Amino acid sequence: LRKGDRFSVIYETLEGDGEPLRAGRVLSAEFVNAGKPFQ
């Protein structure tokens, strides 16, 4: 890991009455490590 590395993530939340109660599965993600993107 390097300072300045960046990540983006799209994930599921499982909600009750509109309140997030449990995190679900990561649906997609991107991690940029030392300038190289991984998706």
Full PDB file with SEQRES, HELIX, SHEET, SSBOND, CRYST1, ORIGX, SCALE, CONECT and MASTER records, all heavy atoms in Angstrom:
SEQRES   1 A   39  LEU ARG LYS GLY ASP ARG PHE SER VAL ILE TYR GLU THR          
SEQRES   2 A   39  LEU GLU GLY ASP GLY GLU PRO LEU ARG ALA GLY ARG VAL          
SEQRES   3 A   39  LEU SER ALA GLU PHE VAL ASN ALA GLY LYS PRO PHE GLN          
SHEET    1 AA1 3 ARG A   6  GLY A  16  0                                        
SHEET    2 AA1 3 GLU A  19  ASN A  33 -1                                        
SHEET    3 AA1 3 LYS A  36  PHE A  38 -1                                        
CRYST1    1.000    1.000    1.000  90.00  90.00  90.00 P 1           1          
ORIGX1      1.000000  0.000000  0.000000        0.00000                         
ORIGX2      0.000000  1.000000  0.000000        0.00000                         
ORIGX3      0.000000  0.000000  1.000000        0.00000                         
SCALE1      1.000000  0.000000  0.000000        0.00000                         
SCALE2      0.000000  1.000000  0.000000        0.00000                         
SCALE3      0.000000  0.000000  1.000000        0.00000                         
ATOM      1  N   LEU A   1       0.837  -1.207   0.000  1.00  0.00           N  
ATOM      2  CA  LEU A   1       0.000   0.000   0.000  1.00  0.00           C  
ATOM      3  C   LEU A   1       0.869   1.253   0.000  1.00  0.00           C  
ATOM      4  O   LEU A   1       1.913   1.314   0.646  1.00  0.00           O  
ATOM      5  CB  LEU A   1      -0.931   0.007   1.215  1.00  0.00           C  
ATOM      6  CG  LEU A   1      -2.064  -1.014   1.225  1.00  0.00           C  
ATOM      7  CD1 LEU A   1      -3.010  -0.744   2.381  1.00  0.00           C  
ATOM      8  CD2 LEU A   1      -2.831  -1.011  -0.096  1.00  0.00           C  
ATOM      9  N   ARG A   2       0.402   2.262  -0.741  1.00  0.00           N  
ATOM     10  CA  ARG A   2       1.115   3.536  -0.832  1.00  0.00           C  
ATOM     11  C   ARG A   2       0.157   4.665  -0.452  1.00  0.00           C  
ATOM     12  O   ARG A   2      -1.047   4.596  -0.711  1.00  0.00           O  
ATOM     13  CB  ARG A   2       1.618   3.775  -2.266  1.00  0.00           C  
ATOM     14  CG  ARG A   2       2.578   2.714  -2.773  1.00  0.00           C  
ATOM     15  CD  ARG A   2       3.934   2.804  -2.079  1.00  0.00           C  
ATOM     16  NE  ARG A   2       4.872   1.850  -2.634  1.00  0.00           N  
ATOM     17  CZ  ARG A   2       5.051   0.616  -2.163  1.00  0.00           C  
ATOM     18  NH1 ARG A   2       4.311   0.200  -1.121  1.00  0.00           N  
ATOM     19  NH2 ARG A   2       5.925  -0.190  -2.702  1.00  0.00           N  
ATOM     20  N   LYS A   3       0.688   5.724   0.135  1.00  0.00           N  
ATOM     21  CA  LYS A   3      -0.124   6.896   0.423  1.00  0.00           C  
ATOM     22  C   LYS A   3      -0.613   7.476  -0.893  1.00  0.00           C  
ATOM     23  O   LYS A   3       0.160   7.669  -1.832  1.00  0.00           O  
ATOM     24  CB  LYS A   3       0.700   7.934   1.181  1.00  0.00           C  
ATOM     25  CG  LYS A   3      -0.131   9.129   1.631  1.00  0.00           C  
ATOM     26  CD  LYS A   3       0.692  10.075   2.496  1.00  0.00           C  
ATOM     27  CE  LYS A   3      -0.181  11.240   2.963  1.00  0.00           C  
ATOM     28  NZ  LYS A   3       0.572  12.170   3.841  1.00  0.00           N  
ATOM     29  N   GLY A   4      -1.899   7.733  -0.968  1.00  0.00           N  
ATOM     30  CA  GLY A   4      -2.495   8.220  -2.200  1.00  0.00           C  
ATOM     31  C   GLY A   4      -3.194   7.138  -2.999  1.00  0.00           C  
ATOM     32  O   GLY A   4      -3.898   7.454  -3.975  1.00  0.00           O  
ATOM     33  N   ASP A   5      -3.007   5.861  -2.624  1.00  0.00           N  
ATOM     34  CA  ASP A   5      -3.785   4.802  -3.261  1.00  0.00           C  
ATOM     35  C   ASP A   5      -5.272   5.082  -3.058  1.00  0.00           C  
ATOM     36  O   ASP A   5      -5.671   5.630  -2.025  1.00  0.00           O  
ATOM     37  CB  ASP A   5      -3.439   3.433  -2.659  1.00  0.00           C  
ATOM     38  CG  ASP A   5      -2.093   2.913  -3.145  1.00  0.00           C  
ATOM     39  OD1 ASP A   5      -1.466   3.573  -3.994  1.00  0.00           O  
ATOM     40  OD2 ASP A   5      -1.665   1.846  -2.661  1.00  0.00           O  
ATOM     41  N   ARG A   6      -6.082   4.685  -4.022  1.00  0.00           N  
ATOM     42  CA  ARG A   6      -7.494   5.036  -3.984  1.00  0.00           C  
ATOM     43  C   ARG A   6      -8.357   3.812  -4.237  1.00  0.00           C  
ATOM     44  O   ARG A   6      -7.955   2.902  -4.969  1.00  0.00           O  
ATOM     45  CB  ARG A   6      -7.789   6.098  -5.057  1.00  0.00           C  
ATOM     46  CG  ARG A   6      -9.232   6.581  -5.096  1.00  0.00           C  
ATOM     47  CD  ARG A   6      -9.469   7.521  -6.275  1.00  0.00           C  
ATOM     48  NE  ARG A   6     -10.864   7.903  -6.342  1.00  0.00           N  
ATOM     49  CZ  ARG A   6     -11.365   9.001  -5.798  1.00  0.00           C  
ATOM     50  NH1 ARG A   6     -10.577   9.855  -5.184  1.00  0.00           N  
ATOM     51  NH2 ARG A   6     -12.659   9.275  -5.891  1.00  0.00           N  
ATOM     52  N   PHE A   7      -9.534   3.801  -3.627  1.00  0.00           N  
ATOM     53  CA  PHE A   7     -10.470   2.708  -3.880  1.00  0.00           C  
ATOM     54  C   PHE A   7     -11.880   3.265  -4.075  1.00  0.00           C  
ATOM     55  O   PHE A   7     -12.229   4.321  -3.551  1.00  0.00           O  
ATOM     56  CB  PHE A   7     -10.470   1.690  -2.726  1.00  0.00           C  
ATOM     57  CG  PHE A   7     -10.935   2.245  -1.402  1.00  0.00           C  
ATOM     58  CD1 PHE A   7     -12.290   2.300  -1.088  1.00  0.00           C  
ATOM     59  CD2 PHE A   7     -10.024   2.730  -0.481  1.00  0.00           C  
ATOM     60  CE1 PHE A   7     -12.724   2.823   0.122  1.00  0.00           C  
ATOM     61  CE2 PHE A   7     -10.442   3.254   0.726  1.00  0.00           C  
ATOM     62  CZ  PHE A   7     -11.790   3.301   1.030  1.00  0.00           C  
ATOM     63  N   SER A   8     -12.657   2.535  -4.853  1.00  0.00           N  
ATOM     64  CA  SER A   8     -14.087   2.801  -5.023  1.00  0.00           C  
ATOM     65  C   SER A   8     -14.796   1.465  -4.883  1.00  0.00           C  
ATOM     66  O   SER A   8     -14.293   0.440  -5.356  1.00  0.00           O  
ATOM     67  CB  SER A   8     -14.388   3.408  -6.400  1.00  0.00           C  
ATOM     68  OG  SER A   8     -13.672   4.613  -6.597  1.00  0.00           O  
ATOM     69  N   VAL A   9     -15.942   1.469  -4.253  1.00  0.00           N  
ATOM     70  CA  VAL A   9     -16.638   0.209  -4.001  1.00  0.00           C  
ATOM     71  C   VAL A   9     -18.142   0.408  -4.099  1.00  0.00           C  
ATOM     72  O   VAL A   9     -18.668   1.448  -3.703  1.00  0.00           O  
ATOM     73  CB  VAL A   9     -16.245  -0.380  -2.623  1.00  0.00           C  
ATOM     74  CG1 VAL A   9     -16.579   0.580  -1.497  1.00  0.00           C  
ATOM     75  CG2 VAL A   9     -16.923  -1.727  -2.392  1.00  0.00           C  
ATOM     76  N   ILE A  10     -18.815  -0.565  -4.667  1.00  0.00           N  
ATOM     77  CA  ILE A  10     -20.275  -0.615  -4.733  1.00  0.00           C  
ATOM     78  C   ILE A  10     -20.699  -1.881  -4.010  1.00  0.00           C  
ATOM     79  O   ILE A  10     -20.246  -2.977  -4.357  1.00  0.00           O  
ATOM     80  CB  ILE A  10     -20.765  -0.624  -6.189  1.00  0.00           C  
ATOM     81  CG1 ILE A  10     -20.282   0.652  -6.905  1.00  0.00           C  
ATOM     82  CG2 ILE A  10     -22.281  -0.728  -6.260  1.00  0.00           C  
ATOM     83  CD1 ILE A  10     -20.407   0.598  -8.403  1.00  0.00           C  
ATOM     84  N   TYR A  11     -21.540  -1.735  -3.006  1.00  0.00           N  
ATOM     85  CA  TYR A  11     -21.878  -2.891  -2.178  1.00  0.00           C  
ATOM     86  C   TYR A  11     -23.349  -2.856  -1.784  1.00  0.00           C  
ATOM     87  O   TYR A  11     -24.013  -1.825  -1.880  1.00  0.00           O  
ATOM     88  CB  TYR A  11     -21.003  -2.933  -0.921  1.00  0.00           C  
ATOM     89  CG  TYR A  11     -21.199  -1.779   0.027  1.00  0.00           C  
ATOM     90  CD1 TYR A  11     -21.978  -1.910   1.173  1.00  0.00           C  
ATOM     91  CD2 TYR A  11     -20.589  -0.546  -0.202  1.00  0.00           C  
ATOM     92  CE1 TYR A  11     -22.157  -0.855   2.043  1.00  0.00           C  
ATOM     93  CE2 TYR A  11     -20.758   0.522   0.662  1.00  0.00           C  
ATOM     94  CZ  TYR A  11     -21.543   0.359   1.785  1.00  0.00           C  
ATOM     95  OH  TYR A  11     -21.727   1.417   2.658  1.00  0.00           O  
ATOM     96  N   GLU A  12     -23.839  -4.008  -1.346  1.00  0.00           N  
ATOM     97  CA  GLU A  12     -25.217  -4.143  -0.904  1.00  0.00           C  
ATOM     98  C   GLU A  12     -25.340  -3.763   0.564  1.00  0.00           C  
ATOM     99  O   GLU A  12     -24.448  -4.044   1.367  1.00  0.00           O  
ATOM    100  CB  GLU A  12     -25.689  -5.591  -1.049  1.00  0.00           C  
ATOM    101  CG  GLU A  12     -26.038  -6.013  -2.452  1.00  0.00           C  
ATOM    102  CD  GLU A  12     -26.552  -7.435  -2.488  1.00  0.00           C  
ATOM    103  OE1 GLU A  12     -26.171  -8.232  -1.613  1.00  0.00           O  
ATOM    104  OE2 GLU A  12     -27.346  -7.755  -3.390  1.00  0.00           O  
ATOM    105  N   THR A  13     -26.448  -3.139   0.907  1.00  0.00           N  
ATOM    106  CA  THR A  13     -26.828  -3.002   2.306  1.00  0.00           C  
ATOM    107  C   THR A  13     -28.203  -3.633   2.471  1.00  0.00           C  
ATOM    108  O   THR A  13     -29.065  -3.505   1.593  1.00  0.00           O  
ATOM    109  CB  THR A  13     -26.896  -1.526   2.757  1.00  0.00           C  
ATOM    110  OG1 THR A  13     -27.837  -0.828   1.936  1.00  0.00           O  
ATOM    111  CG2 THR A  13     -25.549  -0.863   2.677  1.00  0.00           C  
ATOM    112  N   LEU A  14     -28.396  -4.317   3.568  1.00  0.00           N  
ATOM    113  CA  LEU A  14     -29.676  -4.930   3.872  1.00  0.00           C  
ATOM    114  C   LEU A  14     -30.332  -4.074   4.939  1.00  0.00           C  
ATOM    115  O   LEU A  14     -29.771  -3.884   6.028  1.00  0.00           O  
ATOM    116  CB  LEU A  14     -29.470  -6.371   4.345  1.00  0.00           C  
ATOM    117  CG  LEU A  14     -28.730  -7.249   3.328  1.00  0.00           C  
ATOM    118  CD1 LEU A  14     -28.500  -8.651   3.885  1.00  0.00           C  
ATOM    119  CD2 LEU A  14     -29.494  -7.328   2.022  1.00  0.00           C  
ATOM    120  N   GLU A  15     -31.497  -3.532   4.623  1.00  0.00           N  
ATOM    121  CA  GLU A  15     -32.124  -2.507   5.455  1.00  0.00           C  
ATOM    122  C   GLU A  15     -33.454  -2.975   6.023  1.00  0.00           C  
ATOM    123  O   GLU A  15     -34.183  -3.747   5.395  1.00  0.00           O  
ATOM    124  CB  GLU A  15     -32.336  -1.230   4.630  1.00  0.00           C  
ATOM    125  CG  GLU A  15     -31.043  -0.663   4.062  1.00  0.00           C  
ATOM    126  CD  GLU A  15     -31.271   0.566   3.210  1.00  0.00           C  
ATOM    127  OE1 GLU A  15     -32.445   0.879   2.934  1.00  0.00           O  
ATOM    128  OE2 GLU A  15     -30.278   1.219   2.820  1.00  0.00           O  
ATOM    129  N   GLY A  16     -33.755  -2.461   7.214  1.00  0.00           N  
ATOM    130  CA  GLY A  16     -35.040  -2.665   7.845  1.00  0.00           C  
ATOM    131  C   GLY A  16     -35.648  -1.326   8.189  1.00  0.00           C  
ATOM    132  O   GLY A  16     -35.005  -0.509   8.866  1.00  0.00           O  
ATOM    133  N   ASP A  17     -36.844  -1.032   7.693  1.00  0.00           N  
ATOM    134  CA  ASP A  17     -37.492   0.267   7.891  1.00  0.00           C  
ATOM    135  C   ASP A  17     -36.613   1.407   7.394  1.00  0.00           C  
ATOM    136  O   ASP A  17     -36.580   2.495   7.978  1.00  0.00           O  
ATOM    137  CB  ASP A  17     -37.835   0.484   9.371  1.00  0.00           C  
ATOM    138  CG  ASP A  17     -38.861  -0.513   9.882  1.00  0.00           C  
ATOM    139  OD1 ASP A  17     -39.630  -1.041   9.058  1.00  0.00           O  
ATOM    140  OD2 ASP A  17     -38.888  -0.761  11.108  1.00  0.00           O  
ATOM    141  N   GLY A  18     -35.851   1.152   6.338  1.00  0.00           N  
ATOM    142  CA  GLY A  18     -34.989   2.187   5.768  1.00  0.00           C  
ATOM    143  C   GLY A  18     -33.675   2.377   6.482  1.00  0.00           C  
ATOM    144  O   GLY A  18     -32.854   3.202   6.057  1.00  0.00           O  
ATOM    145  N   GLU A  19     -33.416   1.612   7.541  1.00  0.00           N  
ATOM    146  CA  GLU A  19     -32.173   1.725   8.304  1.00  0.00           C  
ATOM    147  C   GLU A  19     -31.248   0.566   7.924  1.00  0.00           C  
ATOM    148  O   GLU A  19     -31.667  -0.589   7.934  1.00  0.00           O  
ATOM    149  CB  GLU A  19     -32.449   1.682   9.809  1.00  0.00           C  
ATOM    150  CG  GLU A  19     -33.279   2.835  10.330  1.00  0.00           C  
ATOM    151  CD  GLU A  19     -32.495   4.128  10.367  1.00  0.00           C  
ATOM    152  OE1 GLU A  19     -31.254   4.078  10.308  1.00  0.00           O  
ATOM    153  OE2 GLU A  19     -33.130   5.194  10.455  1.00  0.00           O  
ATOM    154  N   PRO A  20     -29.960   0.847   7.568  1.00  0.00           N  
ATOM    155  CA  PRO A  20     -29.035  -0.243   7.241  1.00  0.00           C  
ATOM    156  C   PRO A  20     -28.730  -1.070   8.486  1.00  0.00           C  
ATOM    157  O   PRO A  20     -28.284  -0.550   9.505  1.00  0.00           O  
ATOM    158  CB  PRO A  20     -27.784   0.493   6.741  1.00  0.00           C  
ATOM    159  CG  PRO A  20     -27.884   1.870   7.301  1.00  0.00           C  
ATOM    160  CD  PRO A  20     -29.347   2.181   7.427  1.00  0.00           C  
ATOM    161  N   LEU A  21     -28.998  -2.369   8.403  1.00  0.00           N  
ATOM    162  CA  LEU A  21     -28.790  -3.258   9.541  1.00  0.00           C  
ATOM    163  C   LEU A  21     -27.672  -4.268   9.309  1.00  0.00           C  
ATOM    164  O   LEU A  21     -27.075  -4.767  10.262  1.00  0.00           O  
ATOM    165  CB  LEU A  21     -30.090  -4.019   9.861  1.00  0.00           C  
ATOM    166  CG  LEU A  21     -31.308  -3.172  10.205  1.00  0.00           C  
ATOM    167  CD1 LEU A  21     -32.508  -4.073  10.500  1.00  0.00           C  
ATOM    168  CD2 LEU A  21     -31.024  -2.270  11.394  1.00  0.00           C  
ATOM    169  N   ARG A  22     -27.397  -4.558   8.062  1.00  0.00           N  
ATOM    170  CA  ARG A  22     -26.382  -5.564   7.763  1.00  0.00           C  
ATOM    171  C   ARG A  22     -25.770  -5.238   6.401  1.00  0.00           C  
ATOM    172  O   ARG A  22     -26.480  -4.872   5.465  1.00  0.00           O  
ATOM    173  CB  ARG A  22     -27.008  -6.956   7.750  1.00  0.00           C  
ATOM    174  CG  ARG A  22     -26.043  -8.086   7.462  1.00  0.00           C  
ATOM    175  CD  ARG A  22     -26.798  -9.398   7.290  1.00  0.00           C  
ATOM    176  NE  ARG A  22     -27.362  -9.863   8.532  1.00  0.00           N  
ATOM    177  CZ  ARG A  22     -26.732 -10.634   9.411  1.00  0.00           C  
ATOM    178  NH1 ARG A  22     -25.504 -11.023   9.144  1.00  0.00           N  
ATOM    179  NH2 ARG A  22     -27.322 -11.028  10.519  1.00  0.00           N  
ATOM    180  N   ALA A  23     -24.449  -5.359   6.318  1.00  0.00           N  
ATOM    181  CA  ALA A  23     -23.785  -5.158   5.029  1.00  0.00           C  
ATOM    182  C   ALA A  23     -23.834  -6.457   4.241  1.00  0.00           C  
ATOM    183  O   ALA A  23     -23.660  -7.543   4.791  1.00  0.00           O  
ATOM    184  CB  ALA A  23     -22.333  -4.734   5.243  1.00  0.00           C  
ATOM    185  N   GLY A  24     -24.097  -6.326   2.947  1.00  0.00           N  
ATOM    186  CA  GLY A  24     -24.151  -7.493   2.091  1.00  0.00           C  
ATOM    187  C   GLY A  24     -22.859  -7.673   1.313  1.00  0.00           C  
ATOM    188  O   GLY A  24     -21.774  -7.288   1.756  1.00  0.00           O  
ATOM    189  N   ARG A  25     -23.001  -8.206   0.131  1.00  0.00           N  
ATOM    190  CA  ARG A  25     -21.841  -8.532  -0.694  1.00  0.00           C  
ATOM    191  C   ARG A  25     -21.321  -7.298  -1.433  1.00  0.00           C  
ATOM    192  O   ARG A  25     -22.083  -6.421  -1.824  1.00  0.00           O  
ATOM    193  CB  ARG A  25     -22.243  -9.601  -1.711  1.00  0.00           C  
ATOM    194  CG  ARG A  25     -21.155  -9.971  -2.709  1.00  0.00           C  
ATOM    195  CD  ARG A  25     -21.634 -10.986  -3.732  1.00  0.00           C  
ATOM    196  NE  ARG A  25     -21.812 -12.289  -3.112  1.00  0.00           N  
ATOM    197  CZ  ARG A  25     -22.951 -12.956  -3.084  1.00  0.00           C  
ATOM    198  NH1 ARG A  25     -24.043 -12.424  -3.628  1.00  0.00           N  
ATOM    199  NH2 ARG A  25     -23.031 -14.148  -2.523  1.00  0.00           N  
ATOM    200  N   VAL A  26     -20.012  -7.248  -1.616  1.00  0.00           N  
ATOM    201  CA  VAL A  26     -19.415  -6.257  -2.509  1.00  0.00           C  
ATOM    202  C   VAL A  26     -19.776  -6.660  -3.932  1.00  0.00           C  
ATOM    203  O   VAL A  26     -19.516  -7.782  -4.367  1.00  0.00           O  
ATOM    204  CB  VAL A  26     -17.891  -6.196  -2.339  1.00  0.00           C  
ATOM    205  CG1 VAL A  26     -17.249  -5.366  -3.448  1.00  0.00           C  
ATOM    206  CG2 VAL A  26     -17.530  -5.605  -0.981  1.00  0.00           C  
ATOM    207  N   LEU A  27     -20.403  -5.745  -4.670  1.00  0.00           N  
ATOM    208  CA  LEU A  27     -20.844  -6.035  -6.036  1.00  0.00           C  
ATOM    209  C   LEU A  27     -19.756  -5.731  -7.055  1.00  0.00           C  
ATOM    210  O   LEU A  27     -19.618  -6.447  -8.047  1.00  0.00           O  
ATOM    211  CB  LEU A  27     -22.111  -5.233  -6.352  1.00  0.00           C  
ATOM    212  CG  LEU A  27     -23.299  -5.494  -5.411  1.00  0.00           C  
ATOM    213  CD1 LEU A  27     -24.465  -4.584  -5.772  1.00  0.00           C  
ATOM    214  CD2 LEU A  27     -23.721  -6.959  -5.460  1.00  0.00           C  
ATOM    215  N   SER A  28     -19.014  -4.676  -6.819  1.00  0.00           N  
ATOM    216  CA  SER A  28     -17.888  -4.341  -7.690  1.00  0.00           C  
ATOM    217  C   SER A  28     -16.960  -3.403  -6.932  1.00  0.00           C  
ATOM    218  O   SER A  28     -17.378  -2.732  -5.983  1.00  0.00           O  
ATOM    219  CB  SER A  28     -18.365  -3.697  -9.001  1.00  0.00           C  
ATOM    220  OG  SER A  28     -19.092  -2.507  -8.732  1.00  0.00           O  
ATOM    221  N   ALA A  29     -15.720  -3.363  -7.356  1.00  0.00           N  
ATOM    222  CA  ALA A  29     -14.743  -2.521  -6.662  1.00  0.00           C  
ATOM    223  C   ALA A  29     -13.581  -2.210  -7.590  1.00  0.00           C  
ATOM    224  O   ALA A  29     -13.310  -2.944  -8.551  1.00  0.00           O  
ATOM    225  CB  ALA A  29     -14.234  -3.214  -5.401  1.00  0.00           C  
ATOM    226  N   GLU A  30     -12.924  -1.099  -7.286  1.00  0.00           N  
ATOM    227  CA  GLU A  30     -11.694  -0.717  -7.983  1.00  0.00           C  
ATOM    228  C   GLU A  30     -10.684  -0.273  -6.941  1.00  0.00           C  
ATOM    229  O   GLU A  30     -11.018   0.462  -6.002  1.00  0.00           O  
ATOM    230  CB  GLU A  30     -11.953   0.409  -8.980  1.00  0.00           C  
ATOM    231  CG  GLU A  30     -10.688   0.843  -9.718  1.00  0.00           C  
ATOM    232  CD  GLU A  30     -10.943   1.962 -10.705  1.00  0.00           C  
ATOM    233  OE1 GLU A  30     -11.517   2.989 -10.285  1.00  0.00           O  
ATOM    234  OE2 GLU A  30     -10.572   1.821 -11.886  1.00  0.00           O  
ATOM    235  N   PHE A  31      -9.445  -0.722  -7.097  1.00  0.00           N  
ATOM    236  CA  PHE A  31      -8.370  -0.306  -6.195  1.00  0.00           C  
ATOM    237  C   PHE A  31      -7.191   0.131  -7.059  1.00  0.00           C  
ATOM    238  O   PHE A  31      -6.717  -0.635  -7.911  1.00  0.00           O  
ATOM    239  CB  PHE A  31      -7.954  -1.450  -5.276  1.00  0.00           C  
ATOM    240  CG  PHE A  31      -7.307  -0.986  -4.004  1.00  0.00           C  
ATOM    241  CD1 PHE A  31      -7.997  -1.011  -2.807  1.00  0.00           C  
ATOM    242  CD2 PHE A  31      -6.010  -0.489  -4.001  1.00  0.00           C  
ATOM    243  CE1 PHE A  31      -7.414  -0.568  -1.628  1.00  0.00           C  
ATOM    244  CE2 PHE A  31      -5.419  -0.038  -2.838  1.00  0.00           C  
ATOM    245  CZ  PHE A  31      -6.124  -0.078  -1.646  1.00  0.00           C  
ATOM    246  N   VAL A  32      -6.762   1.372  -6.876  1.00  0.00           N  
ATOM    247  CA  VAL A  32      -5.618   1.904  -7.609  1.00  0.00           C  
ATOM    248  C   VAL A  32      -4.421   1.864  -6.680  1.00  0.00           C  
ATOM    249  O   VAL A  32      -4.353   2.611  -5.704  1.00  0.00           O  
ATOM    250  CB  VAL A  32      -5.878   3.337  -8.104  1.00  0.00           C  
ATOM    251  CG1 VAL A  32      -4.670   3.854  -8.878  1.00  0.00           C  
ATOM    252  CG2 VAL A  32      -7.133   3.381  -8.975  1.00  0.00           C  
ATOM    253  N   ASN A  33      -3.478   0.961  -6.969  1.00  0.00           N  
ATOM    254  CA  ASN A  33      -2.297   0.756  -6.129  1.00  0.00           C  
ATOM    255  C   ASN A  33      -1.049   1.182  -6.905  1.00  0.00           C  
ATOM    256  O   ASN A  33      -0.757   0.628  -7.964  1.00  0.00           O  
ATOM    257  CB  ASN A  33      -2.203  -0.715  -5.725  1.00  0.00           C  
ATOM    258  CG  ASN A  33      -0.933  -1.051  -4.965  1.00  0.00           C  
ATOM    259  OD1 ASN A  33      -0.214  -1.959  -5.325  1.00  0.00           O  
ATOM    260  ND2 ASN A  33      -0.653  -0.307  -3.909  1.00  0.00           N  
ATOM    261  N   ALA A  34      -0.343   2.186  -6.366  1.00  0.00           N  
ATOM    262  CA  ALA A  34       0.866   2.708  -7.014  1.00  0.00           C  
ATOM    263  C   ALA A  34       0.592   3.107  -8.460  1.00  0.00           C  
ATOM    264  O   ALA A  34       1.417   2.895  -9.354  1.00  0.00           O  
ATOM    265  CB  ALA A  34       1.991   1.679  -6.941  1.00  0.00           C  
ATOM    266  N   GLY A  35      -0.611   3.674  -8.684  1.00  0.00           N  
ATOM    267  CA  GLY A  35      -0.974   4.149 -10.008  1.00  0.00           C  
ATOM    268  C   GLY A  35      -1.556   3.096 -10.924  1.00  0.00           C  
ATOM    269  O   GLY A  35      -2.025   3.424 -12.026  1.00  0.00           O  
ATOM    270  N   LYS A  36      -1.571   1.829 -10.511  1.00  0.00           N  
ATOM    271  CA  LYS A  36      -2.099   0.756 -11.350  1.00  0.00           C  
ATOM    272  C   LYS A  36      -3.490   0.367 -10.876  1.00  0.00           C  
ATOM    273  O   LYS A  36      -3.673   0.006  -9.719  1.00  0.00           O  
ATOM    274  CB  LYS A  36      -1.177  -0.463 -11.298  1.00  0.00           C  
ATOM    275  CG  LYS A  36      -1.628  -1.599 -12.205  1.00  0.00           C  
ATOM    276  CD  LYS A  36      -0.656  -2.763 -12.171  1.00  0.00           C  
ATOM    277  CE  LYS A  36      -1.116  -3.887 -13.104  1.00  0.00           C  
ATOM    278  NZ  LYS A  36      -0.179  -5.041 -13.086  1.00  0.00           N  
ATOM    279  N   PRO A  37      -4.492   0.433 -11.764  1.00  0.00           N  
ATOM    280  CA  PRO A  37      -5.858   0.110 -11.349  1.00  0.00           C  
ATOM    281  C   PRO A  37      -6.132  -1.389 -11.401  1.00  0.00           C  
ATOM    282  O   PRO A  37      -5.703  -2.087 -12.320  1.00  0.00           O  
ATOM    283  CB  PRO A  37      -6.721   0.860 -12.359  1.00  0.00           C  
ATOM    284  CG  PRO A  37      -5.882   0.904 -13.591  1.00  0.00           C  
ATOM    285  CD  PRO A  37      -4.447   0.965 -13.142  1.00  0.00           C  
ATOM    286  N   PHE A  38      -6.863  -1.867 -10.395  1.00  0.00           N  
ATOM    287  CA  PHE A  38      -7.362  -3.240 -10.367  1.00  0.00           C  
ATOM    288  C   PHE A  38      -8.871  -3.163 -10.169  1.00  0.00           C  
ATOM    289  O   PHE A  38      -9.343  -2.454  -9.278  1.00  0.00           O  
ATOM    290  CB  PHE A  38      -6.730  -4.031  -9.219  1.00  0.00           C  
ATOM    291  CG  PHE A  38      -5.227  -4.173  -9.314  1.00  0.00           C  
ATOM    292  CD1 PHE A  38      -4.399  -3.211  -8.738  1.00  0.00           C  
ATOM    293  CD2 PHE A  38      -4.658  -5.234  -9.989  1.00  0.00           C  
ATOM    294  CE1 PHE A  38      -3.017  -3.325  -8.825  1.00  0.00           C  
ATOM    295  CE2 PHE A  38      -3.275  -5.360 -10.087  1.00  0.00           C  
ATOM    296  CZ  PHE A  38      -2.451  -4.410  -9.505  1.00  0.00           C  
ATOM    297  N   GLN A  39      -9.602  -3.881 -11.006  1.00  0.00           N  
ATOM    298  CA  GLN A  39     -11.061  -3.841 -10.944  1.00  0.00           C  
ATOM    299  C   GLN A  39     -11.622  -5.235 -10.773  1.00  0.00           C  
ATOM    300  O   GLN A  39     -11.021  -6.227 -11.215  1.00  0.00           O  
ATOM    301  CB  GLN A  39     -11.631  -3.198 -12.209  1.00  0.00           C  
ATOM    302  CG  GLN A  39     -11.252  -1.728 -12.379  1.00  0.00           C  
ATOM    303  CD  GLN A  39     -11.754  -1.146 -13.675  1.00  0.00           C  
ATOM    304  OE1 GLN A  39     -11.776  -1.815 -14.710  1.00  0.00           O  
ATOM    305  NE2 GLN A  39     -12.174   0.109 -13.641  1.00  0.00           N  
TER     306      GLN A  39                                                      
MASTER        0    0    0    0    3    0    0    6  305    1    0    3          
END                                                                             
